[in-house]
N, C-alpha and C. Protein backbone atom coordinates (compact mmCIF):
# COMPACT_ATOMS: atom_id res chain seq x y z
N MET A 1 13.73 -11.62 -6.74
CA MET A 1 13.01 -10.36 -6.61
C MET A 1 13.16 -9.69 -8.10
N ARG A 2 11.90 -9.18 -8.22
CA ARG A 2 11.63 -8.37 -9.41
C ARG A 2 12.24 -6.97 -9.27
N ASN A 3 12.44 -6.34 -10.58
CA ASN A 3 13.20 -5.02 -10.64
C ASN A 3 12.24 -4.01 -10.19
N THR A 4 12.71 -2.83 -9.94
CA THR A 4 11.62 -1.72 -9.67
C THR A 4 10.95 -1.43 -10.84
N ALA A 5 11.38 -1.38 -12.15
CA ALA A 5 10.30 -1.07 -13.16
C ALA A 5 9.27 -2.17 -13.34
N THR A 6 9.53 -3.35 -13.22
CA THR A 6 8.48 -4.35 -13.20
C THR A 6 7.50 -4.19 -12.06
N VAL A 7 7.99 -3.94 -10.81
CA VAL A 7 6.89 -3.70 -9.62
C VAL A 7 6.21 -2.44 -10.12
N MET A 8 6.70 -1.60 -10.51
CA MET A 8 5.93 -0.18 -10.65
C MET A 8 4.94 -0.51 -11.85
N ASP A 9 5.31 -1.29 -12.69
CA ASP A 9 4.35 -1.51 -14.04
C ASP A 9 3.30 -2.40 -13.58
N GLU A 10 3.46 -3.45 -12.82
CA GLU A 10 2.40 -4.18 -12.16
C GLU A 10 1.48 -3.57 -11.18
N GLY A 11 2.19 -2.69 -10.17
CA GLY A 11 1.42 -1.74 -9.38
C GLY A 11 0.44 -0.89 -10.23
N VAL A 12 0.87 -0.10 -11.14
CA VAL A 12 0.03 0.72 -11.98
C VAL A 12 -0.97 -0.20 -12.65
N THR A 13 -0.79 -1.23 -13.19
CA THR A 13 -1.69 -2.08 -13.81
C THR A 13 -2.77 -2.49 -12.83
N ALA A 14 -2.37 -2.78 -11.65
CA ALA A 14 -3.16 -3.11 -10.64
C ALA A 14 -4.20 -2.15 -10.31
N LEU A 15 -3.71 -0.98 -10.14
CA LEU A 15 -4.45 0.30 -9.68
C LEU A 15 -5.51 0.35 -10.97
N LEU A 16 -5.04 0.44 -12.20
CA LEU A 16 -5.74 0.72 -13.21
C LEU A 16 -6.94 -0.16 -13.36
N ASN A 17 -6.63 -1.64 -12.99
CA ASN A 17 -7.70 -2.62 -13.12
C ASN A 17 -8.77 -2.38 -11.94
N THR A 18 -8.35 -1.81 -11.06
CA THR A 18 -9.04 -1.70 -9.69
C THR A 18 -9.83 -0.59 -9.76
N LEU A 19 -9.20 0.64 -10.16
CA LEU A 19 -9.71 1.89 -9.70
C LEU A 19 -10.17 2.60 -11.12
N GLY A 20 -9.71 2.30 -12.13
CA GLY A 20 -9.92 2.99 -13.34
C GLY A 20 -8.74 4.23 -13.73
N VAL A 21 -8.94 4.77 -14.64
CA VAL A 21 -7.90 5.70 -14.88
C VAL A 21 -7.96 6.95 -14.05
N LEU A 22 -9.27 7.52 -13.99
CA LEU A 22 -9.32 8.86 -13.25
C LEU A 22 -8.94 8.59 -11.72
N GLU A 23 -9.39 7.62 -11.28
CA GLU A 23 -9.13 7.26 -9.67
C GLU A 23 -7.56 7.10 -9.52
N THR A 24 -7.06 6.29 -10.59
CA THR A 24 -5.42 6.10 -10.21
C THR A 24 -4.81 7.21 -10.40
N GLU A 25 -5.11 8.15 -11.16
CA GLU A 25 -4.61 9.39 -11.44
C GLU A 25 -4.73 10.19 -9.99
N ILE A 26 -5.88 10.07 -9.28
CA ILE A 26 -6.17 10.84 -8.12
C ILE A 26 -5.19 10.11 -7.19
N PHE A 27 -5.05 8.90 -7.06
CA PHE A 27 -4.31 8.19 -5.93
C PHE A 27 -2.96 8.45 -6.29
N ILE A 28 -2.39 8.50 -7.37
CA ILE A 28 -0.88 8.90 -7.72
C ILE A 28 -0.62 10.29 -7.23
N SER A 29 -1.35 11.15 -7.74
CA SER A 29 -1.14 12.55 -7.45
C SER A 29 -1.25 12.94 -5.80
N THR A 30 -2.33 12.16 -5.25
CA THR A 30 -2.27 12.43 -3.64
C THR A 30 -0.83 11.81 -3.12
N LEU A 31 -0.43 10.81 -3.44
CA LEU A 31 0.87 10.30 -3.10
C LEU A 31 1.95 11.20 -3.37
N LEU A 32 1.96 11.65 -4.39
CA LEU A 32 3.05 12.69 -4.69
C LEU A 32 2.90 14.00 -3.95
N LYS A 33 1.75 14.34 -3.71
CA LYS A 33 1.61 15.65 -2.54
C LYS A 33 1.97 15.36 -1.34
N GLU A 34 1.72 14.12 -0.86
CA GLU A 34 1.75 13.94 0.70
C GLU A 34 3.05 13.30 0.99
N PRO A 35 3.83 13.99 2.03
CA PRO A 35 4.91 13.34 2.45
C PRO A 35 4.51 11.96 2.98
N PHE A 36 5.15 10.92 2.58
CA PHE A 36 4.93 9.39 3.19
C PHE A 36 6.13 8.65 3.18
N ASP A 37 6.26 8.26 4.32
CA ASP A 37 7.50 7.06 4.17
C ASP A 37 6.97 5.81 4.70
N TYR A 38 6.94 4.72 3.89
CA TYR A 38 6.38 3.64 4.04
C TYR A 38 7.08 2.91 5.10
N THR A 39 8.37 2.87 5.17
CA THR A 39 9.11 2.20 6.17
C THR A 39 8.69 2.51 7.64
N GLU A 40 8.67 3.97 7.67
CA GLU A 40 8.24 4.48 9.20
C GLU A 40 6.93 4.13 9.33
N TRP A 41 5.93 4.27 8.35
CA TRP A 41 4.55 3.74 8.59
C TRP A 41 4.48 2.48 8.94
N ARG A 42 5.21 1.55 8.34
CA ARG A 42 5.13 0.06 8.59
C ARG A 42 5.70 -0.14 10.17
N LYS A 43 6.84 0.55 10.36
CA LYS A 43 7.47 0.24 11.71
C LYS A 43 6.68 0.63 12.84
N LYS A 44 5.75 1.90 12.71
CA LYS A 44 4.88 2.42 13.64
C LYS A 44 3.77 1.34 13.73
N HIS A 45 3.13 0.91 12.64
CA HIS A 45 1.84 0.16 12.83
C HIS A 45 2.03 -1.43 12.86
N PHE A 46 3.23 -1.74 12.53
CA PHE A 46 3.22 -3.17 12.48
C PHE A 46 4.50 -3.69 13.27
N ALA A 47 5.09 -2.94 13.98
CA ALA A 47 6.33 -3.35 14.84
C ALA A 47 6.29 -4.61 15.42
N ASP A 48 5.27 -4.89 15.98
CA ASP A 48 5.12 -6.07 16.99
C ASP A 48 4.58 -7.42 16.23
N ILE A 49 4.77 -7.28 14.86
CA ILE A 49 4.18 -8.42 14.09
C ILE A 49 5.36 -9.22 13.49
N ASP A 50 5.37 -10.53 13.68
CA ASP A 50 6.55 -11.17 13.10
C ASP A 50 6.28 -11.34 11.69
N ILE A 51 6.97 -12.25 10.82
CA ILE A 51 6.89 -12.34 9.36
C ILE A 51 5.68 -13.38 8.96
N ASP A 52 5.28 -13.82 10.03
CA ASP A 52 4.09 -14.74 9.53
C ASP A 52 3.05 -14.13 8.73
N PRO A 53 2.82 -14.50 7.58
CA PRO A 53 1.93 -13.83 6.57
C PRO A 53 0.49 -13.85 7.19
N ALA A 54 0.04 -14.77 7.76
CA ALA A 54 -1.40 -14.90 8.40
C ALA A 54 -1.62 -13.87 9.31
N GLN A 55 -0.48 -13.74 10.19
CA GLN A 55 -0.73 -12.78 11.28
C GLN A 55 -0.65 -11.21 10.56
N PHE A 56 0.22 -11.04 9.85
CA PHE A 56 0.39 -9.80 9.05
C PHE A 56 -0.90 -9.44 8.37
N ASN A 57 -1.48 -10.46 7.69
CA ASN A 57 -2.77 -10.10 6.91
C ASN A 57 -3.92 -9.65 7.83
N ARG A 58 -3.97 -10.48 8.89
CA ARG A 58 -5.09 -10.26 10.07
C ARG A 58 -5.05 -8.74 10.62
N LYS A 59 -3.60 -8.33 10.90
CA LYS A 59 -3.44 -6.94 11.40
C LYS A 59 -3.63 -5.97 10.38
N ALA A 60 -3.33 -6.34 9.13
CA ALA A 60 -3.66 -5.51 8.08
C ALA A 60 -5.14 -5.28 7.81
N ILE A 61 -5.87 -6.11 7.96
CA ILE A 61 -7.32 -6.10 7.91
C ILE A 61 -7.84 -5.32 9.28
N GLU A 62 -7.42 -5.61 10.36
CA GLU A 62 -7.76 -4.84 11.47
C GLU A 62 -7.45 -3.39 11.43
N TYR A 63 -6.33 -3.13 10.75
CA TYR A 63 -5.89 -1.67 10.55
C TYR A 63 -6.78 -1.03 9.62
N ASP A 64 -7.12 -1.65 8.50
CA ASP A 64 -7.94 -1.24 7.34
C ASP A 64 -9.41 -0.97 7.98
N LYS A 65 -10.00 -1.81 8.68
CA LYS A 65 -11.25 -1.52 9.33
C LYS A 65 -11.24 -0.37 10.21
N ALA A 66 -10.38 -0.16 11.01
CA ALA A 66 -10.21 1.00 12.11
C ALA A 66 -9.74 2.21 11.46
N ASN A 67 -9.12 2.17 10.27
CA ASN A 67 -8.74 3.31 9.67
C ASN A 67 -9.24 3.57 8.23
N PRO A 68 -10.62 3.55 8.06
CA PRO A 68 -11.08 3.82 6.81
C PRO A 68 -10.80 5.04 5.90
N VAL A 69 -10.70 5.10 4.69
CA VAL A 69 -10.35 6.20 3.75
C VAL A 69 -11.20 7.27 3.89
């Protein structure tokens, strides 16, 4: 498992490559303003899913389509 600093660095790099600087800043500032508990969100939306990556991916795509930003 990678350490937190590495995960954060790769995450920000992915955001920058995908969104660019301005939209990455908007994304991060929104996260900092909003109370968000990923663990609780995952339990609520994916509690009935086993660890099978294909099933998880399918459910994540379905959720994304049903909950556009």
